[in-house]
Amino acid sequence: MRKVYKLDGDLCANCASKIEHAIGKLAGVNKASVNAMTYKFTLDADDAAFDSVLKQSLKIFSDIEPDCEVLA
C-alpha cells in the first residue's frame, strides 16, 4: 500500500534525510520518501504491516523533528 501525506511545520533537508533513512529501515517498508521542499511524506509498505509502520513512522518524525507534523 502506498500513501502520500502532507507535512506541516519546520523541516530541514538534513532532518528529512534522517527521517527517510530511519523509516526505510523499518520491517515491512518497501520505500519511504520525505521531501522537505514539497512538504510531502510518501510511505510504501506491506498492506498487513501498514498501520504499524505508520505508527512507528510518526514516532520517528516526532523524535527527529518535533516541530514537523504529519497530516492525514
C-alpha atoms as a PDB file:
ATOM      1  CA  MET A   1       0.000   0.000   0.000  1.00  0.00           C
ATOM      2  CA  ARG A   2       1.253   3.465  -0.874  1.00  0.00           C
ATOM      3  CA  LYS A   3       0.021   6.692   0.710  1.00  0.00           C
ATOM      4  CA  VAL A   4       1.150  10.304   0.492  1.00  0.00           C
ATOM      5  CA  TYR A   5       0.838  12.620   3.493  1.00  0.00           C
ATOM      6  CA  LYS A   6       1.257  16.378   3.756  1.00  0.00           C
ATOM      7  CA  LEU A   7       3.674  17.783   6.314  1.00  0.00           C
ATOM      8  CA  ASP A   8       3.245  20.912   8.402  1.00  0.00           C
ATOM      9  CA  GLY A   9       5.800  22.831  10.442  1.00  0.00           C
ATOM     10  CA  ASP A  10       9.567  23.119  10.309  1.00  0.00           C
ATOM     11  CA  LEU A  11      11.539  20.533   8.351  1.00  0.00           C
ATOM     12  CA  CYS A  12      15.085  20.937   7.054  1.00  0.00           C
ATOM     13  CA  ALA A  13      16.619  18.781   4.324  1.00  0.00           C
ATOM     14  CA  ASN A  14      19.041  17.168   6.776  1.00  0.00           C
ATOM     15  CA  CYS A  15      16.251  16.078   9.127  1.00  0.00           C
ATOM     16  CA  ALA A  16      14.162  14.875   6.173  1.00  0.00           C
ATOM     17  CA  SER A  17      17.060  12.657   5.109  1.00  0.00           C
ATOM     18  CA  LYS A  18      17.483  11.258   8.635  1.00  0.00           C
ATOM     19  CA  ILE A  19      13.753  10.537   8.918  1.00  0.00           C
ATOM     20  CA  GLU A  20      13.628   8.904   5.485  1.00  0.00           C
ATOM     21  CA  HIS A  21      16.612   6.701   6.314  1.00  0.00           C
ATOM     22  CA  ALA A  22      15.195   5.639   9.704  1.00  0.00           C
ATOM     23  CA  ILE A  23      11.754   4.806   8.289  1.00  0.00           C
ATOM     24  CA  GLY A  24      13.343   2.909   5.401  1.00  0.00           C
ATOM     25  CA  LYS A  25      14.924   0.522   7.918  1.00  0.00           C
ATOM     26  CA  LEU A  26      11.579  -0.493   9.448  1.00  0.00           C
ATOM     27  CA  ALA A  27      10.307  -4.004   8.773  1.00  0.00           C
ATOM     28  CA  GLY A  28       7.562  -4.001   6.144  1.00  0.00           C
ATOM     29  CA  VAL A  29       8.649  -0.777   4.442  1.00  0.00           C
ATOM     30  CA  ASN A  30       9.124  -1.013   0.684  1.00  0.00           C
ATOM     31  CA  LYS A  31      10.036   2.658   0.237  1.00  0.00           C
ATOM     32  CA  ALA A  32       9.819   5.881   2.201  1.00  0.00           C
ATOM     33  CA  SER A  33      10.310   9.396   0.887  1.00  0.00           C
ATOM     34  CA  VAL A  34      10.380  12.642   2.866  1.00  0.00           C
ATOM     35  CA  ASN A  35      10.571  15.787   0.737  1.00  0.00           C
ATOM     36  CA  ALA A  36      11.466  18.999   2.592  1.00  0.00           C
ATOM     37  CA  MET A  37      10.768  21.140  -0.496  1.00  0.00           C
ATOM     38  CA  THR A  38       7.209  19.950  -1.193  1.00  0.00           C
ATOM     39  CA  TYR A  39       6.434  19.010   2.420  1.00  0.00           C
ATOM     40  CA  LYS A  40       5.258  15.530   1.448  1.00  0.00           C
ATOM     41  CA  PHE A  41       5.859  12.157   3.073  1.00  0.00           C
ATOM     42  CA  THR A  42       5.321   9.098   0.896  1.00  0.00           C
ATOM     43  CA  LEU A  43       5.101   5.708   2.565  1.00  0.00           C
ATOM     44  CA  ASP A  44       5.007   2.438   0.645  1.00  0.00           C
ATOM     45  CA  ALA A  45       4.661  -0.549   2.968  1.00  0.00           C
ATOM     46  CA  ASP A  46       3.190  -4.038   3.056  1.00  0.00           C
ATOM     47  CA  ASP A  47      -0.597  -3.950   3.456  1.00  0.00           C
ATOM     48  CA  ALA A  48      -0.580  -6.190   6.536  1.00  0.00           C
ATOM     49  CA  ALA A  49       2.011  -4.051   8.321  1.00  0.00           C
ATOM     50  CA  PHE A  50       0.936  -0.604   7.118  1.00  0.00           C
ATOM     51  CA  ASP A  51      -0.801   0.638  10.280  1.00  0.00           C
ATOM     52  CA  SER A  52       2.077  -0.490  12.478  1.00  0.00           C
ATOM     53  CA  VAL A  53       4.658   1.033  10.143  1.00  0.00           C
ATOM     54  CA  LEU A  54       2.755   4.328  10.027  1.00  0.00           C
ATOM     55  CA  LYS A  55       2.613   4.474  13.833  1.00  0.00           C
ATOM     56  CA  GLN A  56       6.366   3.834  14.053  1.00  0.00           C
ATOM     57  CA  SER A  57       6.985   6.423  11.325  1.00  0.00           C
ATOM     58  CA  LEU A  58       5.068   9.084  13.238  1.00  0.00           C
ATOM     59  CA  LYS A  59       7.219   8.345  16.304  1.00  0.00           C
ATOM     60  CA  ILE A  60      10.372   8.752  14.190  1.00  0.00           C
ATOM     61  CA  PHE A  61       9.117  12.117  12.889  1.00  0.00           C
ATOM     62  CA  SER A  62       8.407  13.221  16.459  1.00  0.00           C
ATOM     63  CA  ASP A  63      11.810  12.094  17.740  1.00  0.00           C
ATOM     64  CA  ILE A  64      13.892  13.652  14.951  1.00  0.00           C
ATOM     65  CA  GLU A  65      11.871  16.778  14.127  1.00  0.00           C
ATOM     66  CA  PRO A  66       9.277  17.534  16.818  1.00  0.00           C
ATOM     67  CA  ASP A  67       8.188  20.743  15.039  1.00  0.00           C
ATOM     68  CA  CYS A  68       7.014  18.828  11.954  1.00  0.00           C
ATOM     69  CA  GLU A  69       3.559  17.241  11.901  1.00  0.00           C
ATOM     70  CA  VAL A  70       2.299  14.557   9.514  1.00  0.00           C
ATOM     71  CA  LEU A  71      -1.231  15.445   8.383  1.00  0.00           C
ATOM     72  CA  ALA A  72      -3.756  12.765   7.442  1.00  0.00           C
END
